Amino acid sequence: MKTALDPRHQKRQKLIEDLFKIEFHKQAVNSQTKEILEKKDFIDKKIAKAAPQYPIDKINKIDLAILRLAFFELLIEKKEPPKVIVDEAIELAKEYGGSTSPSFVNGALATLKLYK
């Protein structure tokens, strides 16, 4: 069971915060955030395929940050089992997003499996 003090969870929280902030203003970011941003076009295309009814510019910015991190971890980094990444993304959506965020993130990540 993960806790709020789990270092992996805290690392993901920081990445989500950085990805969210960068949408509004330029700032210095850590190396992993920079790596995600370098792959943003690729990741955003995958998100667009997974959630075609929601254009990228219309997705809630925090949900988009969570999806970008999850898609990066699932498609590029591949260090954790997919179930762990999906569960963590849903937890982050519960923590940071709105009432519909967890189901939206879960649905987008479930659809991703069809488009690999």
C-alpha atoms as a PDB file:
ATOM      1  CA  MET A   1       0.000   0.000   0.000  1.00  0.00           C
ATOM      2  CA  LYS A   2       1.390   3.362  -0.947  1.00  0.00           C
ATOM      3  CA  THR A   3       1.506   6.215   1.507  1.00  0.00           C
ATOM      4  CA  ALA A   4       1.895   9.961   1.164  1.00  0.00           C
ATOM      5  CA  LEU A   5       5.462   9.547   2.436  1.00  0.00           C
ATOM      6  CA  ASP A   6       6.461   7.048  -0.268  1.00  0.00           C
ATOM      7  CA  PRO A   7       9.428   8.651  -2.078  1.00  0.00           C
ATOM      8  CA  ARG A   8       8.168   7.434  -5.469  1.00  0.00           C
ATOM      9  CA  HIS A   9       4.793   9.081  -4.832  1.00  0.00           C
ATOM     10  CA  GLN A  10       6.487  12.300  -3.715  1.00  0.00           C
ATOM     11  CA  LYS A  11       8.653  12.277  -6.841  1.00  0.00           C
ATOM     12  CA  ARG A  12       5.569  11.900  -9.026  1.00  0.00           C
ATOM     13  CA  GLN A  13       3.838  14.707  -7.136  1.00  0.00           C
ATOM     14  CA  LYS A  14       6.772  17.019  -7.878  1.00  0.00           C
ATOM     15  CA  LEU A  15       6.754  16.040 -11.560  1.00  0.00           C
ATOM     16  CA  ILE A  16       3.001  16.673 -11.830  1.00  0.00           C
ATOM     17  CA  GLU A  17       3.428  20.068 -10.184  1.00  0.00           C
ATOM     18  CA  ASP A  18       6.253  20.978 -12.593  1.00  0.00           C
ATOM     19  CA  LEU A  19       4.298  19.811 -15.648  1.00  0.00           C
ATOM     20  CA  PHE A  20       1.283  21.797 -14.466  1.00  0.00           C
ATOM     21  CA  LYS A  21       3.238  24.985 -13.730  1.00  0.00           C
ATOM     22  CA  ILE A  22       5.073  24.954 -17.063  1.00  0.00           C
ATOM     23  CA  GLU A  23       1.705  25.309 -18.833  1.00  0.00           C
ATOM     24  CA  PHE A  24       1.364  28.799 -17.364  1.00  0.00           C
ATOM     25  CA  HIS A  25       4.887  30.224 -17.237  1.00  0.00           C
ATOM     26  CA  LYS A  26       8.457  29.347 -18.114  1.00  0.00           C
ATOM     27  CA  GLN A  27      10.546  28.088 -15.232  1.00  0.00           C
ATOM     28  CA  ALA A  28      13.552  25.960 -14.507  1.00  0.00           C
ATOM     29  CA  VAL A  29      12.647  22.275 -14.350  1.00  0.00           C
ATOM     30  CA  ASN A  30      14.442  19.143 -13.246  1.00  0.00           C
ATOM     31  CA  SER A  31      15.946  16.701 -15.727  1.00  0.00           C
ATOM     32  CA  GLN A  32      13.043  14.238 -15.721  1.00  0.00           C
ATOM     33  CA  THR A  33      10.480  16.982 -16.313  1.00  0.00           C
ATOM     34  CA  LYS A  34      12.663  18.259 -19.136  1.00  0.00           C
ATOM     35  CA  GLU A  35      12.785  14.748 -20.620  1.00  0.00           C
ATOM     36  CA  ILE A  36       8.978  14.513 -20.511  1.00  0.00           C
ATOM     37  CA  LEU A  37       8.644  17.930 -22.147  1.00  0.00           C
ATOM     38  CA  GLU A  38      11.068  16.894 -24.916  1.00  0.00           C
ATOM     39  CA  LYS A  39       8.704  14.001 -25.731  1.00  0.00           C
ATOM     40  CA  LYS A  40       5.551  16.129 -25.308  1.00  0.00           C
ATOM     41  CA  ASP A  41       4.497  16.014 -28.973  1.00  0.00           C
ATOM     42  CA  PHE A  42       4.745  12.217 -29.085  1.00  0.00           C
ATOM     43  CA  ILE A  43       2.939  11.865 -25.740  1.00  0.00           C
ATOM     44  CA  ASP A  44       0.216  14.336 -26.708  1.00  0.00           C
ATOM     45  CA  LYS A  45      -0.480  12.396 -29.920  1.00  0.00           C
ATOM     46  CA  LYS A  46      -0.950   9.239 -27.861  1.00  0.00           C
ATOM     47  CA  ILE A  47      -3.226  11.087 -25.436  1.00  0.00           C
ATOM     48  CA  ALA A  48      -5.252  12.449 -28.357  1.00  0.00           C
ATOM     49  CA  LYS A  49      -5.722   8.897 -29.688  1.00  0.00           C
ATOM     50  CA  ALA A  50      -6.661   7.587 -26.248  1.00  0.00           C
ATOM     51  CA  ALA A  51      -9.174  10.382 -25.584  1.00  0.00           C
ATOM     52  CA  PRO A  52     -10.350  11.513 -29.042  1.00  0.00           C
ATOM     53  CA  GLN A  53     -13.444  13.239 -27.698  1.00  0.00           C
ATOM     54  CA  TYR A  54     -11.216  15.681 -25.747  1.00  0.00           C
ATOM     55  CA  PRO A  55      -8.794  17.869 -27.721  1.00  0.00           C
ATOM     56  CA  ILE A  56      -5.501  18.381 -25.871  1.00  0.00           C
ATOM     57  CA  ASP A  57      -6.166  22.101 -25.385  1.00  0.00           C
ATOM     58  CA  LYS A  58      -9.545  21.337 -23.760  1.00  0.00           C
ATOM     59  CA  ILE A  59      -8.297  18.781 -21.207  1.00  0.00           C
ATOM     60  CA  ASN A  60      -8.035  20.109 -17.657  1.00  0.00           C
ATOM     61  CA  LYS A  61      -4.376  21.141 -17.193  1.00  0.00           C
ATOM     62  CA  ILE A  62      -3.814  19.015 -14.092  1.00  0.00           C
ATOM     63  CA  ASP A  63      -5.369  15.968 -15.774  1.00  0.00           C
ATOM     64  CA  LEU A  64      -3.138  16.607 -18.766  1.00  0.00           C
ATOM     65  CA  ALA A  65      -0.051  16.782 -16.549  1.00  0.00           C
ATOM     66  CA  ILE A  66      -1.014  13.478 -14.901  1.00  0.00           C
ATOM     67  CA  LEU A  67      -1.625  11.836 -18.283  1.00  0.00           C
ATOM     68  CA  ARG A  68       1.665  13.132 -19.694  1.00  0.00           C
ATOM     69  CA  LEU A  69       3.579  11.637 -16.783  1.00  0.00           C
ATOM     70  CA  ALA A  70       1.689   8.331 -16.942  1.00  0.00           C
ATOM     71  CA  PHE A  71       2.067   8.010 -20.731  1.00  0.00           C
ATOM     72  CA  PHE A  72       5.767   8.854 -20.421  1.00  0.00           C
ATOM     73  CA  GLU A  73       6.236   6.167 -17.779  1.00  0.00           C
ATOM     74  CA  LEU A  74       4.197   3.596 -19.731  1.00  0.00           C
ATOM     75  CA  LEU A  75       5.526   4.200 -23.247  1.00  0.00           C
ATOM     76  CA  ILE A  76       9.038   5.565 -22.834  1.00  0.00           C
ATOM     77  CA  GLU A  77      10.512   4.986 -19.407  1.00  0.00           C
ATOM     78  CA  LYS A  78       9.004   1.521 -18.750  1.00  0.00           C
ATOM     79  CA  LYS A  79      10.629   1.151 -15.311  1.00  0.00           C
ATOM     80  CA  GLU A  80       7.508   0.229 -13.334  1.00  0.00           C
ATOM     81  CA  PRO A  81       4.798  -2.349 -14.051  1.00  0.00           C
ATOM     82  CA  PRO A  82       1.852  -0.794 -15.944  1.00  0.00           C
ATOM     83  CA  LYS A  83      -0.557  -1.575 -13.090  1.00  0.00           C
ATOM     84  CA  VAL A  84       1.584   0.480 -10.682  1.00  0.00           C
ATOM     85  CA  ILE A  85       1.722   3.434 -13.091  1.00  0.00           C
ATOM     86  CA  VAL A  86      -2.037   3.372 -13.708  1.00  0.00           C
ATOM     87  CA  ASP A  87      -2.844   3.061  -9.993  1.00  0.00           C
ATOM     88  CA  GLU A  88      -0.487   5.924  -9.177  1.00  0.00           C
ATOM     89  CA  ALA A  89      -1.976   8.131 -11.913  1.00  0.00           C
ATOM     90  CA  ILE A  90      -5.471   7.528 -10.544  1.00  0.00           C
ATOM     91  CA  GLU A  91      -4.293   8.353  -7.013  1.00  0.00           C
ATOM     92  CA  LEU A  92      -2.706  11.586  -8.277  1.00  0.00           C
ATOM     93  CA  ALA A  93      -5.953  12.435 -10.081  1.00  0.00           C
ATOM     94  CA  LYS A  94      -7.874  11.919  -6.836  1.00  0.00           C
ATOM     95  CA  GLU A  95      -5.384  14.090  -4.980  1.00  0.00           C
ATOM     96  CA  TYR A  96      -5.012  16.944  -7.483  1.00  0.00           C
ATOM     97  CA  GLY A  97      -7.918  16.752  -9.924  1.00  0.00           C
ATOM     98  CA  GLY A  98     -11.635  17.312  -9.833  1.00  0.00           C
ATOM     99  CA  SER A  99     -14.382  14.824  -9.131  1.00  0.00           C
ATOM    100  CA  THR A 100     -14.290  13.391 -12.673  1.00  0.00           C
ATOM    101  CA  SER A 101     -10.490  13.326 -12.983  1.00  0.00           C
ATOM    102  CA  PRO A 102      -9.881   9.789 -11.669  1.00  0.00           C
ATOM    103  CA  SER A 103     -12.361   8.209 -14.071  1.00  0.00           C
ATOM    104  CA  PHE A 104     -11.114  10.314 -17.001  1.00  0.00           C
ATOM    105  CA  VAL A 105      -7.464   9.394 -16.320  1.00  0.00           C
ATOM    106  CA  ASN A 106      -8.391   5.740 -15.834  1.00  0.00           C
ATOM    107  CA  GLY A 107     -10.375   5.693 -19.087  1.00  0.00           C
ATOM    108  CA  ALA A 108      -7.602   7.331 -21.100  1.00  0.00           C
ATOM    109  CA  LEU A 109      -5.002   4.930 -19.716  1.00  0.00           C
ATOM    110  CA  ALA A 110      -7.264   1.917 -20.316  1.00  0.00           C
ATOM    111  CA  THR A 111      -7.756   3.025 -23.936  1.00  0.00           C
ATOM    112  CA  LEU A 112      -4.000   3.400 -24.385  1.00  0.00           C
ATOM    113  CA  LYS A 113      -3.604  -0.369 -24.386  1.00  0.00           C
ATOM    114  CA  LEU A 114      -5.529  -0.452 -27.673  1.00  0.00           C
ATOM    115  CA  TYR A 115      -3.148   1.991 -29.378  1.00  0.00           C
ATOM    116  CA  LYS A 116       0.314   0.707 -28.371  1.00  0.00           C
END
